[in-house]
Amino acid sequence: MPTNVVLNLRWRDIRDQIVAELEDVVSGRVHGFLRFDNHSNEERFRKKFIPSGSSKINAWTVTRAEQSREYLTNREIESFTAVVLDFWYQLDDEAASQDTFDDIVDDVIFHFQEPIRLSGEVELQGPIQLTISDHRYFAGKLVHHCELQTVARHRVFQNTFR
């Protein structure tokens, strides 16, 4: 078996590596999945997106949008997973929060502009793309929001046939 491929790799394993990479760049909360709560306790939900020592929303989620796979040989598959990074940052006009938001987004774009080799054969293919930048109501607060997208690529080795 070639040493540069993996037998199986779950999305969770890829996602956890991306979360760790993102946590090296940002100071906000980073979640490896979407967070939900019933709307009966909006304050409890909002706290999931506020970093320790802060009172304002500043958080990321890492999810996948789609995945495609291609056979390279009859035993080797290349997998491409569309990765979505959503960022919410509480709007504060007096503190010029738009500038801070834009700086944080730029820091992440700069960090992910070149391909990044994660553990094994997982590679985030650069450059990352800013696909949405807008303002929304989130957890009862007006926030800056953006969506960044990239692709995680890895190879899977098929060691058995059906």
C-alpha atoms as a PDB file:
ATOM      1  CA  MET A   1       0.000   0.000   0.000  1.00  0.00           C
ATOM      2  CA  PRO A   2       1.366   3.458  -0.855  1.00  0.00           C
ATOM      3  CA  THR A   3       2.387   5.509   2.181  1.00  0.00           C
ATOM      4  CA  ASN A   4       0.928   8.770   0.883  1.00  0.00           C
ATOM      5  CA  VAL A   5      -2.734   7.757   1.112  1.00  0.00           C
ATOM      6  CA  VAL A   6      -5.191   6.957   3.874  1.00  0.00           C
ATOM      7  CA  LEU A   7      -7.595   4.056   4.131  1.00  0.00           C
ATOM      8  CA  ASN A   8     -10.540   6.065   5.455  1.00  0.00           C
ATOM      9  CA  LEU A   9     -10.888   9.608   6.658  1.00  0.00           C
ATOM     10  CA  ARG A  10     -14.064  10.918   8.207  1.00  0.00           C
ATOM     11  CA  TRP A  11     -15.233  14.496   7.711  1.00  0.00           C
ATOM     12  CA  ARG A  12     -14.891  14.960  11.485  1.00  0.00           C
ATOM     13  CA  ASP A  13     -11.138  14.234  11.245  1.00  0.00           C
ATOM     14  CA  ILE A  14     -10.674  16.774   8.451  1.00  0.00           C
ATOM     15  CA  ARG A  15     -12.896  19.325  10.187  1.00  0.00           C
ATOM     16  CA  ASP A  16     -11.019  19.051  13.484  1.00  0.00           C
ATOM     17  CA  GLN A  17      -7.761  19.831  11.684  1.00  0.00           C
ATOM     18  CA  ILE A  18      -9.339  22.890  10.017  1.00  0.00           C
ATOM     19  CA  VAL A  19     -10.749  24.060  13.373  1.00  0.00           C
ATOM     20  CA  ALA A  20      -7.263  23.809  14.913  1.00  0.00           C
ATOM     21  CA  GLU A  21      -5.767  25.747  11.998  1.00  0.00           C
ATOM     22  CA  LEU A  22      -8.444  28.466  12.311  1.00  0.00           C
ATOM     23  CA  GLU A  23      -7.976  28.717  16.089  1.00  0.00           C
ATOM     24  CA  ASP A  24      -4.328  29.617  15.431  1.00  0.00           C
ATOM     25  CA  VAL A  25      -5.486  32.682  13.464  1.00  0.00           C
ATOM     26  CA  VAL A  26      -8.574  34.056  15.251  1.00  0.00           C
ATOM     27  CA  SER A  27      -9.401  34.947  18.845  1.00  0.00           C
ATOM     28  CA  GLY A  28     -13.136  34.201  18.637  1.00  0.00           C
ATOM     29  CA  ARG A  29     -14.996  30.972  19.389  1.00  0.00           C
ATOM     30  CA  VAL A  30     -14.599  28.274  16.731  1.00  0.00           C
ATOM     31  CA  HIS A  31     -17.185  25.513  16.399  1.00  0.00           C
ATOM     32  CA  GLY A  32     -16.701  22.481  14.187  1.00  0.00           C
ATOM     33  CA  PHE A  33     -20.421  22.273  13.494  1.00  0.00           C
ATOM     34  CA  LEU A  34     -23.551  24.403  13.398  1.00  0.00           C
ATOM     35  CA  ARG A  35     -24.944  25.265  16.812  1.00  0.00           C
ATOM     36  CA  PHE A  36     -28.652  25.201  17.565  1.00  0.00           C
ATOM     37  CA  ASP A  37     -30.864  25.918  20.516  1.00  0.00           C
ATOM     38  CA  ASN A  38     -34.568  26.398  20.882  1.00  0.00           C
ATOM     39  CA  HIS A  39     -35.542  30.041  20.833  1.00  0.00           C
ATOM     40  CA  SER A  40     -36.938  29.906  24.345  1.00  0.00           C
ATOM     41  CA  ASN A  41     -33.505  30.801  25.721  1.00  0.00           C
ATOM     42  CA  GLU A  42     -31.814  33.209  23.322  1.00  0.00           C
ATOM     43  CA  GLU A  43     -29.243  34.277  25.925  1.00  0.00           C
ATOM     44  CA  ARG A  44     -28.014  30.676  26.362  1.00  0.00           C
ATOM     45  CA  PHE A  45     -27.717  30.320  22.571  1.00  0.00           C
ATOM     46  CA  ARG A  46     -25.881  33.645  22.229  1.00  0.00           C
ATOM     47  CA  LYS A  47     -23.293  32.596  24.844  1.00  0.00           C
ATOM     48  CA  LYS A  48     -22.173  29.786  22.528  1.00  0.00           C
ATOM     49  CA  PHE A  49     -20.852  32.497  20.194  1.00  0.00           C
ATOM     50  CA  ILE A  50     -19.209  34.825  22.733  1.00  0.00           C
ATOM     51  CA  PRO A  51     -15.553  34.168  23.642  1.00  0.00           C
ATOM     52  CA  SER A  52     -14.523  34.004  27.288  1.00  0.00           C
ATOM     53  CA  GLY A  53     -13.852  37.452  28.706  1.00  0.00           C
ATOM     54  CA  SER A  54     -16.011  39.192  26.102  1.00  0.00           C
ATOM     55  CA  SER A  55     -19.607  40.342  25.909  1.00  0.00           C
ATOM     56  CA  LYS A  56     -19.913  40.375  22.112  1.00  0.00           C
ATOM     57  CA  ILE A  57     -20.549  37.742  19.470  1.00  0.00           C
ATOM     58  CA  ASN A  58     -17.298  36.718  17.761  1.00  0.00           C
ATOM     59  CA  ALA A  59     -17.507  33.174  16.410  1.00  0.00           C
ATOM     60  CA  TRP A  60     -16.858  30.819  13.507  1.00  0.00           C
ATOM     61  CA  THR A  61     -18.410  27.566  12.376  1.00  0.00           C
ATOM     62  CA  VAL A  62     -16.758  25.031  10.061  1.00  0.00           C
ATOM     63  CA  THR A  63     -19.063  22.881   7.941  1.00  0.00           C
ATOM     64  CA  ARG A  64     -18.984  21.059   4.619  1.00  0.00           C
ATOM     65  CA  ALA A  65     -21.206  21.944   1.703  1.00  0.00           C
ATOM     66  CA  GLU A  66     -20.578  19.036  -0.633  1.00  0.00           C
ATOM     67  CA  GLN A  67     -18.160  16.277  -1.473  1.00  0.00           C
ATOM     68  CA  SER A  68     -17.091  14.718  -4.741  1.00  0.00           C
ATOM     69  CA  ARG A  69     -14.848  11.744  -5.405  1.00  0.00           C
ATOM     70  CA  GLU A  70     -12.944  10.583  -8.446  1.00  0.00           C
ATOM     71  CA  TYR A  71     -11.200   7.308  -9.165  1.00  0.00           C
ATOM     72  CA  LEU A  72      -7.519   7.781  -9.924  1.00  0.00           C
ATOM     73  CA  THR A  73      -6.954   4.043 -10.308  1.00  0.00           C
ATOM     74  CA  ASN A  74      -9.125   1.045  -9.497  1.00  0.00           C
ATOM     75  CA  ARG A  75      -7.769   1.228  -5.926  1.00  0.00           C
ATOM     76  CA  GLU A  76      -7.249   4.928  -5.345  1.00  0.00           C
ATOM     77  CA  ILE A  77      -9.888   7.645  -4.957  1.00  0.00           C
ATOM     78  CA  GLU A  78      -9.306  11.385  -4.711  1.00  0.00           C
ATOM     79  CA  SER A  79     -11.861  13.143  -2.522  1.00  0.00           C
ATOM     80  CA  PHE A  80     -12.765  16.851  -2.683  1.00  0.00           C
ATOM     81  CA  THR A  81     -14.802  18.390   0.146  1.00  0.00           C
ATOM     82  CA  ALA A  82     -16.174  21.932  -0.076  1.00  0.00           C
ATOM     83  CA  VAL A  83     -15.460  23.560   3.288  1.00  0.00           C
ATOM     84  CA  VAL A  84     -17.510  26.521   4.529  1.00  0.00           C
ATOM     85  CA  LEU A  85     -16.283  28.891   7.244  1.00  0.00           C
ATOM     86  CA  ASP A  86     -19.031  31.178   8.572  1.00  0.00           C
ATOM     87  CA  PHE A  87     -18.067  34.147  10.752  1.00  0.00           C
ATOM     88  CA  TRP A  88     -20.344  36.265  12.941  1.00  0.00           C
ATOM     89  CA  TYR A  89     -19.066  39.424  14.620  1.00  0.00           C
ATOM     90  CA  GLN A  90     -21.324  41.711  16.651  1.00  0.00           C
ATOM     91  CA  LEU A  91     -21.882  45.108  15.095  1.00  0.00           C
ATOM     92  CA  ASP A  92     -20.788  48.092  17.178  1.00  0.00           C
ATOM     93  CA  ASP A  93     -20.849  51.292  15.136  1.00  0.00           C
ATOM     94  CA  GLU A  94     -19.197  53.405  17.846  1.00  0.00           C
ATOM     95  CA  ALA A  95     -16.205  51.028  17.935  1.00  0.00           C
ATOM     96  CA  ALA A  96     -15.923  50.879  14.107  1.00  0.00           C
ATOM     97  CA  SER A  97     -16.600  47.148  14.225  1.00  0.00           C
ATOM     98  CA  GLN A  98     -16.700  46.966  10.415  1.00  0.00           C
ATOM     99  CA  ASP A  99     -12.958  47.683  10.313  1.00  0.00           C
ATOM    100  CA  THR A 100     -12.214  45.044  12.948  1.00  0.00           C
ATOM    101  CA  PHE A 101     -14.442  42.533  11.157  1.00  0.00           C
ATOM    102  CA  ASP A 102     -12.713  43.213   7.821  1.00  0.00           C
ATOM    103  CA  ASP A 103      -9.261  42.880   9.432  1.00  0.00           C
ATOM    104  CA  ILE A 104     -10.172  39.500  10.957  1.00  0.00           C
ATOM    105  CA  VAL A 105     -11.570  38.259   7.643  1.00  0.00           C
ATOM    106  CA  ASP A 106      -8.433  39.444   5.833  1.00  0.00           C
ATOM    107  CA  ASP A 107      -6.220  37.657   8.377  1.00  0.00           C
ATOM    108  CA  VAL A 108      -8.051  34.404   7.669  1.00  0.00           C
ATOM    109  CA  ILE A 109      -7.942  34.945   3.892  1.00  0.00           C
ATOM    110  CA  PHE A 110      -4.198  35.650   4.052  1.00  0.00           C
ATOM    111  CA  HIS A 111      -3.614  32.571   6.209  1.00  0.00           C
ATOM    112  CA  PHE A 112      -5.517  30.276   3.842  1.00  0.00           C
ATOM    113  CA  GLN A 113      -4.452  31.832   0.517  1.00  0.00           C
ATOM    114  CA  GLU A 114      -1.834  29.168  -0.186  1.00  0.00           C
ATOM    115  CA  PRO A 115      -2.469  25.427  -0.004  1.00  0.00           C
ATOM    116  CA  ILE A 116      -2.074  24.166   3.561  1.00  0.00           C
ATOM    117  CA  ARG A 117      -0.995  20.617   4.253  1.00  0.00           C
ATOM    118  CA  LEU A 118      -2.868  19.244   7.234  1.00  0.00           C
ATOM    119  CA  SER A 119      -1.875  15.907   8.754  1.00  0.00           C
ATOM    120  CA  GLY A 120      -1.498  12.973   6.390  1.00  0.00           C
ATOM    121  CA  GLU A 121      -2.508  13.692   2.846  1.00  0.00           C
ATOM    122  CA  VAL A 122      -5.206  16.270   3.574  1.00  0.00           C
ATOM    123  CA  GLU A 123      -4.588  19.558   1.816  1.00  0.00           C
ATOM    124  CA  LEU A 124      -6.642  22.733   1.923  1.00  0.00           C
ATOM    125  CA  GLN A 125      -6.431  24.085  -1.580  1.00  0.00           C
ATOM    126  CA  GLY A 126      -5.927  27.838  -1.716  1.00  0.00           C
ATOM    127  CA  PRO A 127      -6.857  30.472  -2.229  1.00  0.00           C
ATOM    128  CA  ILE A 128      -9.890  30.625   0.045  1.00  0.00           C
ATOM    129  CA  GLN A 129     -12.857  32.507  -1.433  1.00  0.00           C
ATOM    130  CA  LEU A 130     -15.046  35.131   0.236  1.00  0.00           C
ATOM    131  CA  THR A 131     -18.508  34.188  -1.059  1.00  0.00           C
ATOM    132  CA  ILE A 132     -20.813  36.240   1.205  1.00  0.00           C
ATOM    133  CA  SER A 133     -20.305  39.383   3.271  1.00  0.00           C
ATOM    134  CA  ASP A 134     -23.402  40.934   4.789  1.00  0.00           C
ATOM    135  CA  HIS A 135     -25.209  41.944   7.967  1.00  0.00           C
ATOM    136  CA  ARG A 136     -27.756  39.774   9.745  1.00  0.00           C
ATOM    137  CA  TYR A 137     -29.694  39.439  12.927  1.00  0.00           C
ATOM    138  CA  PHE A 138     -28.127  36.567  14.807  1.00  0.00           C
ATOM    139  CA  ALA A 139     -29.035  35.440  18.313  1.00  0.00           C
ATOM    140  CA  GLY A 140     -30.992  38.653  18.758  1.00  0.00           C
ATOM    141  CA  LYS A 141     -28.108  40.932  17.786  1.00  0.00           C
ATOM    142  CA  LEU A 142     -27.129  42.725  14.576  1.00  0.00           C
ATOM    143  CA  VAL A 143     -23.872  41.182  13.339  1.00  0.00           C
ATOM    144  CA  HIS A 144     -21.414  41.367  10.506  1.00  0.00           C
ATOM    145  CA  HIS A 145     -21.404  38.001   8.733  1.00  0.00           C
ATOM    146  CA  CYS A 146     -19.285  36.384   6.076  1.00  0.00           C
ATOM    147  CA  GLU A 147     -18.879  33.029   4.434  1.00  0.00           C
ATOM    148  CA  LEU A 148     -15.516  31.797   3.199  1.00  0.00           C
ATOM    149  CA  GLN A 149     -15.100  28.656   1.112  1.00  0.00           C
ATOM    150  CA  THR A 150     -12.199  26.390   0.301  1.00  0.00           C
ATOM    151  CA  VAL A 151     -11.669  22.783  -0.722  1.00  0.00           C
ATOM    152  CA  ALA A 152     -10.094  19.989   1.296  1.00  0.00           C
ATOM    153  CA  ARG A 153      -8.468  17.327  -0.904  1.00  0.00           C
ATOM    154  CA  HIS A 154      -7.252  13.898   0.117  1.00  0.00           C
ATOM    155  CA  ARG A 155      -6.745  10.441  -1.345  1.00  0.00           C
ATOM    156  CA  VAL A 156      -8.373   7.252  -0.168  1.00  0.00           C
ATOM    157  CA  PHE A 157      -6.850   3.841  -0.800  1.00  0.00           C
ATOM    158  CA  GLN A 158      -9.269   0.987  -1.513  1.00  0.00           C
ATOM    159  CA  ASN A 159      -7.649  -2.180  -0.191  1.00  0.00           C
ATOM    160  CA  THR A 160     -10.610  -4.477  -0.858  1.00  0.00           C
ATOM    161  CA  PHE A 161     -13.056  -5.061  -3.684  1.00  0.00           C
ATOM    162  CA  ARG A 162     -16.723  -5.847  -3.328  1.00  0.00           C
END
